[in-house]
Amino acid sequence: MRLKTAVHRRIKELCAERDLNLCGLARKTGISHRTLSNILGQRNQSMTLHTLQRICEGCDITLHEFFDSDLFRDLE
């Protein structure tokens, strides 16, 4: 799996665990619904670490906890 795909899947996984849709995640992170939609729809070719950190904060986890997932094992 590619890193970008793993990151998208992890964000979707966290949202599902917290019963968050894009609007809820947008409210918790301060990131616009459109930006999140572009990120999760993989239309955004890059995402900054700052954006990822804001997503983690919105999900009440650390960056370490974000990457501590089987999704990030055996990346291409």
Protein backbone atom coordinates (compact mmCIF):
# COMPACT_ATOMS: atom_id res chain seq x y z
CA MET A 1 0.00 0.00 0.00
CA ARG A 2 1.18 3.51 -0.72
CA LEU A 3 1.65 5.98 2.14
CA LYS A 4 -0.96 8.39 0.81
CA THR A 5 -3.56 5.62 0.64
CA ALA A 6 -2.72 4.48 4.18
CA VAL A 7 -3.12 8.04 5.51
CA HIS A 8 -6.52 8.42 3.83
CA ARG A 9 -7.69 5.07 5.16
CA ARG A 10 -6.47 5.91 8.67
CA ILE A 11 -8.38 9.20 8.69
CA LYS A 12 -11.54 7.43 7.52
CA GLU A 13 -10.98 4.74 10.17
CA LEU A 14 -10.66 7.35 12.92
CA CYS A 15 -13.81 9.13 11.75
CA ALA A 16 -15.75 5.86 11.77
CA GLU A 17 -14.52 5.04 15.28
CA ARG A 18 -15.65 8.45 16.51
CA ASP A 19 -18.88 8.51 14.49
CA LEU A 20 -17.70 11.65 12.66
CA ASN A 21 -18.71 12.64 9.17
CA LEU A 22 -16.82 15.27 7.17
CA CYS A 23 -18.83 18.13 8.68
CA GLY A 24 -18.10 16.90 12.21
CA LEU A 25 -14.41 16.49 11.45
CA ALA A 26 -14.35 19.96 9.90
CA ARG A 27 -15.87 21.47 13.04
CA LYS A 28 -13.42 19.66 15.34
CA THR A 29 -10.35 20.53 13.27
CA GLY A 30 -11.13 23.95 11.84
CA ILE A 31 -10.30 22.58 8.40
CA SER A 32 -12.87 23.36 5.73
CA HIS A 33 -15.26 20.67 4.57
CA ARG A 34 -14.03 21.18 1.01
CA THR A 35 -10.38 20.65 1.98
CA LEU A 36 -11.22 17.49 3.92
CA SER A 37 -13.33 16.24 1.04
CA ASN A 38 -10.44 16.80 -1.36
CA ILE A 39 -8.02 15.02 0.98
CA LEU A 40 -10.24 12.01 1.60
CA GLY A 41 -11.36 11.83 -2.02
CA GLN A 42 -7.66 11.76 -2.93
CA ARG A 43 -8.09 14.79 -5.20
CA ASN A 44 -5.55 16.66 -3.09
CA GLN A 45 -2.13 15.44 -4.17
CA SER A 46 -0.40 16.54 -0.97
CA MET A 47 -1.28 17.23 2.62
CA THR A 48 0.90 19.14 5.04
CA LEU A 49 1.98 17.73 8.36
CA HIS A 50 0.27 20.71 9.96
CA THR A 51 -3.05 19.60 8.45
CA LEU A 52 -2.47 16.05 9.62
CA GLN A 53 -1.64 17.33 13.10
CA ARG A 54 -4.91 19.31 13.17
CA ILE A 55 -6.81 16.16 12.17
CA CYS A 56 -5.09 14.25 14.98
CA GLU A 57 -5.95 16.97 17.49
CA GLY A 58 -9.57 16.91 16.31
CA CYS A 59 -9.63 13.15 16.91
CA ASP A 60 -7.90 13.57 20.30
CA ILE A 61 -4.85 11.52 19.34
CA THR A 62 -1.16 12.20 18.82
CA LEU A 63 0.73 11.85 15.56
CA HIS A 64 2.40 8.81 17.10
CA GLU A 65 -1.00 7.22 17.74
CA PHE A 66 -2.07 8.08 14.20
CA PHE A 67 0.84 6.18 12.67
CA ASP A 68 0.66 3.34 15.19
CA SER A 69 -1.59 1.29 12.92
CA ASP A 70 -1.15 -1.82 10.84
CA LEU A 71 -1.98 0.33 7.81
CA PHE A 72 1.55 1.73 7.97
CA ARG A 73 3.32 -1.61 7.99
CA ASP A 74 4.74 -2.86 4.71
CA LEU A 75 4.33 0.36 2.77
CA GLU A 76 5.57 0.59 -0.80
